[in-house]
Protein backbone atom coordinates (compact mmCIF):
# COMPACT_ATOMS: atom_id res chain seq x y z
CA MET A 1 15.89 -4.32 -6.13
CA LYS A 2 16.51 -3.13 -2.62
CA HIS A 3 13.77 -2.27 -0.19
CA PHE A 4 14.61 -0.44 2.97
CA PHE A 5 12.02 -0.09 5.72
CA ILE A 6 11.50 3.17 7.58
CA THR A 7 11.54 1.31 10.80
CA ALA A 8 15.21 0.58 10.16
CA CYS A 9 16.03 4.20 9.90
CA GLN A 10 14.07 4.97 12.93
CA SER A 11 15.81 2.24 14.78
CA PHE A 12 19.17 3.72 13.62
CA LEU A 13 18.19 7.09 15.23
CA LEU A 14 17.00 5.43 18.37
CA ALA A 15 20.22 3.49 18.78
CA ALA A 16 22.22 6.59 18.14
CA ALA A 17 20.34 8.37 20.86
CA CYS A 18 20.95 5.56 23.23
CA MET A 19 24.72 5.70 22.64
CA GLY A 20 24.71 9.38 23.45
CA PHE A 21 24.89 10.79 19.93
CA PRO A 22 22.76 14.10 19.52
CA VAL A 23 19.82 12.76 17.48
CA SER A 24 18.75 16.24 16.35
CA ALA A 25 22.19 16.70 14.82
CA LEU A 26 21.98 13.29 13.08
CA ALA A 27 18.54 14.07 11.76
CA GLN A 28 19.66 17.34 10.29
CA GLN A 29 22.62 15.70 8.55
CA ASP A 30 20.97 14.68 5.33
CA SER A 31 24.56 14.12 4.08
CA LEU A 32 25.14 11.43 6.71
CA LEU A 33 21.91 9.37 5.89
CA ASN A 34 21.87 10.12 2.18
CA SER A 35 25.63 9.94 1.41
CA ARG A 36 26.65 7.36 -1.23
CA SER A 37 30.05 7.15 0.39
CA SER A 38 28.50 6.36 3.77
CA SER A 39 27.97 2.71 5.01
CA PHE A 40 24.26 3.60 5.65
CA PRO A 41 21.67 2.83 3.10
CA VAL A 42 20.20 5.67 1.00
CA VAL A 43 16.86 6.56 2.46
CA ARG A 44 14.57 8.80 0.43
CA SER A 45 12.97 11.24 2.83
CA SER A 46 9.89 11.77 0.56
CA ILE A 47 8.29 8.27 1.01
CA LEU A 48 4.54 8.95 0.83
CA PRO A 49 2.01 7.77 3.39
CA ALA A 50 0.15 4.63 1.97
CA GLU A 51 -3.10 6.61 1.48
CA GLU A 52 -1.25 9.13 -0.79
CA ALA A 53 0.96 6.55 -2.65
CA PHE A 54 -2.18 4.42 -3.32
CA ALA A 55 -5.07 6.97 -3.41
CA LEU A 56 -8.19 4.89 -3.12
CA SER A 57 -11.71 5.74 -4.20
CA THR A 58 -14.58 3.33 -3.63
CA PHE A 59 -18.26 3.80 -4.77
CA ILE A 60 -21.33 2.19 -6.14
CA GLU A 61 -21.84 2.74 -9.86
CA ALA A 62 -25.49 2.69 -10.78
CA PRO A 63 -27.22 0.48 -10.40
CA ASP A 64 -25.45 -2.36 -8.74
CA THR A 65 -21.62 -2.33 -9.34
CA VAL A 66 -18.99 -1.79 -6.68
CA VAL A 67 -15.97 0.20 -8.01
CA LEU A 68 -12.52 0.17 -6.43
CA LEU A 69 -10.12 2.57 -8.04
CA TRP A 70 -6.51 3.17 -7.05
CA GLU A 71 -4.56 6.14 -8.36
CA ILE A 72 -0.92 4.91 -7.85
CA LYS A 73 1.79 7.56 -7.69
CA GLU A 74 4.80 7.33 -10.05
CA ASP A 75 7.49 4.99 -8.74
CA TYR A 76 4.94 3.05 -6.52
CA TYR A 77 3.08 -0.14 -7.30
CA LEU A 78 0.52 -2.62 -5.86
CA TYR A 79 0.87 -6.35 -5.54
CA LEU A 80 -1.91 -8.24 -7.43
CA LYS A 81 -2.01 -11.11 -4.84
CA SER A 82 -2.43 -8.82 -1.91
CA ILE A 83 -5.79 -7.41 -2.85
CA SER A 84 -8.76 -8.97 -1.12
CA VAL A 85 -12.23 -8.11 0.19
CA VAL A 86 -13.15 -9.53 3.56
CA ASP A 87 -16.62 -9.21 5.40
CA SER A 88 -16.99 -8.74 9.07
CA ASN A 89 -17.16 -12.47 9.63
CA GLY A 90 -13.73 -13.03 7.99
CA HIS A 91 -15.22 -14.48 4.76
CA ILE A 92 -13.03 -13.52 1.78
CA TYR A 93 -14.96 -12.64 -1.28
CA SER A 94 -13.88 -13.78 -4.68
CA LEU A 95 -13.17 -10.77 -6.85
CA PRO A 96 -13.68 -11.20 -10.66
CA GLU A 97 -10.69 -11.79 -12.85
CA LEU A 98 -8.30 -8.80 -12.18
CA PRO A 99 -6.79 -6.95 -15.05
CA ALA A 100 -3.38 -8.21 -16.12
CA GLY A 101 -0.48 -6.48 -14.18
CA LYS A 102 3.19 -6.11 -15.05
CA VAL A 103 5.38 -9.00 -14.05
CA ILE A 104 8.52 -7.96 -12.13
CA GLU A 105 11.28 -9.65 -10.14
CA ASP A 106 10.80 -8.71 -6.47
CA GLU A 107 13.77 -9.09 -4.17
CA PHE A 108 11.55 -10.64 -1.44
CA PHE A 109 8.70 -12.29 -3.28
CA GLY A 110 10.48 -13.33 -6.60
CA GLU A 111 8.41 -13.13 -9.72
CA VAL A 112 5.16 -11.12 -8.90
CA GLU A 113 2.56 -9.36 -10.88
CA VAL A 114 2.03 -5.68 -9.88
CA TYR A 115 0.05 -2.56 -10.89
CA PHE A 116 1.56 0.83 -11.76
CA ASP A 117 -0.23 4.07 -12.28
CA ARG A 118 -3.99 2.94 -11.88
CA LEU A 119 -6.04 0.02 -11.02
CA LEU A 120 -9.81 -0.20 -11.55
CA ILE A 121 -11.83 -3.21 -10.30
CA ARG A 122 -15.53 -3.58 -10.79
CA PHE A 123 -17.65 -6.32 -9.24
CA PRO A 124 -21.39 -6.86 -8.59
CA LEU A 125 -22.82 -5.42 -5.43
CA THR A 126 -24.63 -8.67 -4.93
CA THR A 127 -21.30 -10.26 -4.15
CA LEU A 128 -21.32 -8.54 -0.79
CA ALA A 129 -23.57 -9.12 2.25
CA MET A 130 -25.94 -6.07 2.71
CA GLU A 131 -27.28 -4.78 5.94
CA ASN A 132 -29.58 -1.77 6.31
CA ASN A 133 -29.01 -0.75 2.69
CA SER A 134 -25.20 -0.76 3.20
CA ALA A 135 -22.30 -3.03 2.31
CA ASN A 136 -19.55 -3.18 4.99
CA PHE A 137 -16.36 -4.85 4.27
CA THR A 138 -12.55 -4.63 4.73
CA LEU A 139 -10.27 -4.04 1.74
CA GLN A 140 -6.77 -5.32 1.97
CA TYR A 141 -3.82 -4.52 -0.22
CA GLN A 142 -0.11 -4.09 -0.10
CA GLY A 143 2.36 -2.02 -2.32
CA CYS A 144 5.90 -0.67 -2.43
CA ALA A 145 7.83 2.48 -3.29
CA LYS A 146 9.88 1.11 -6.06
CA ASP A 147 13.43 0.12 -4.88
CA LEU A 148 12.89 1.62 -1.53
CA TYR A 149 10.20 0.60 0.86
CA CYS A 150 7.38 -1.98 1.13
CA TYR A 151 4.42 -0.89 3.09
CA PRO A 152 2.70 -3.28 5.55
CA LEU A 153 -0.61 -4.76 4.45
CA GLN A 154 -3.16 -1.94 4.30
CA ILE A 155 -6.45 -2.93 5.98
CA THR A 156 -9.21 -0.33 5.11
CA PRO A 157 -12.82 -0.67 6.42
CA ILE A 158 -15.20 0.35 3.73
CA THR A 159 -18.95 1.21 4.11
CA LEU A 160 -20.93 1.76 0.87
CA THR A 161 -24.59 2.90 1.11
CA VAL A 162 -26.74 1.94 -1.78
CA PRO A 163 -28.37 5.17 -3.23
CA GLU A 164 -32.11 5.26 -3.05
């Protein structure tokens, strides 16, 4: 499995500009960047932003359950071991046993468990520290576009207000 980082493509275009090549001409030449006969890696131009690839919903399910729901686009996946909930003091909360994922062989991490399509996690609201009827925490997760690109760790601040 090959992962190509977008920054490598951006670096290529920057280097080309520094050497005097017209970058606009290079950027318009899909055949140059996407040609299989070229020595350059194939780069899919439609890699989604992380928030689209891993659409996240968070909410409190009555009366006291926190729900984390990812809708994962086709050909994208999340790493099981990357998912964590951290409070403002850096305390990492233990999540309940996560659902079984699919075991794949990852080029960088070896054998890993990942989630495709959808991931739903429920845990008690009492797990989190509450302040002024709200739970504030940071959700961390990481995923990849299959065979193309691995996103950096996503760090998403979450505030959930308990309904009255």
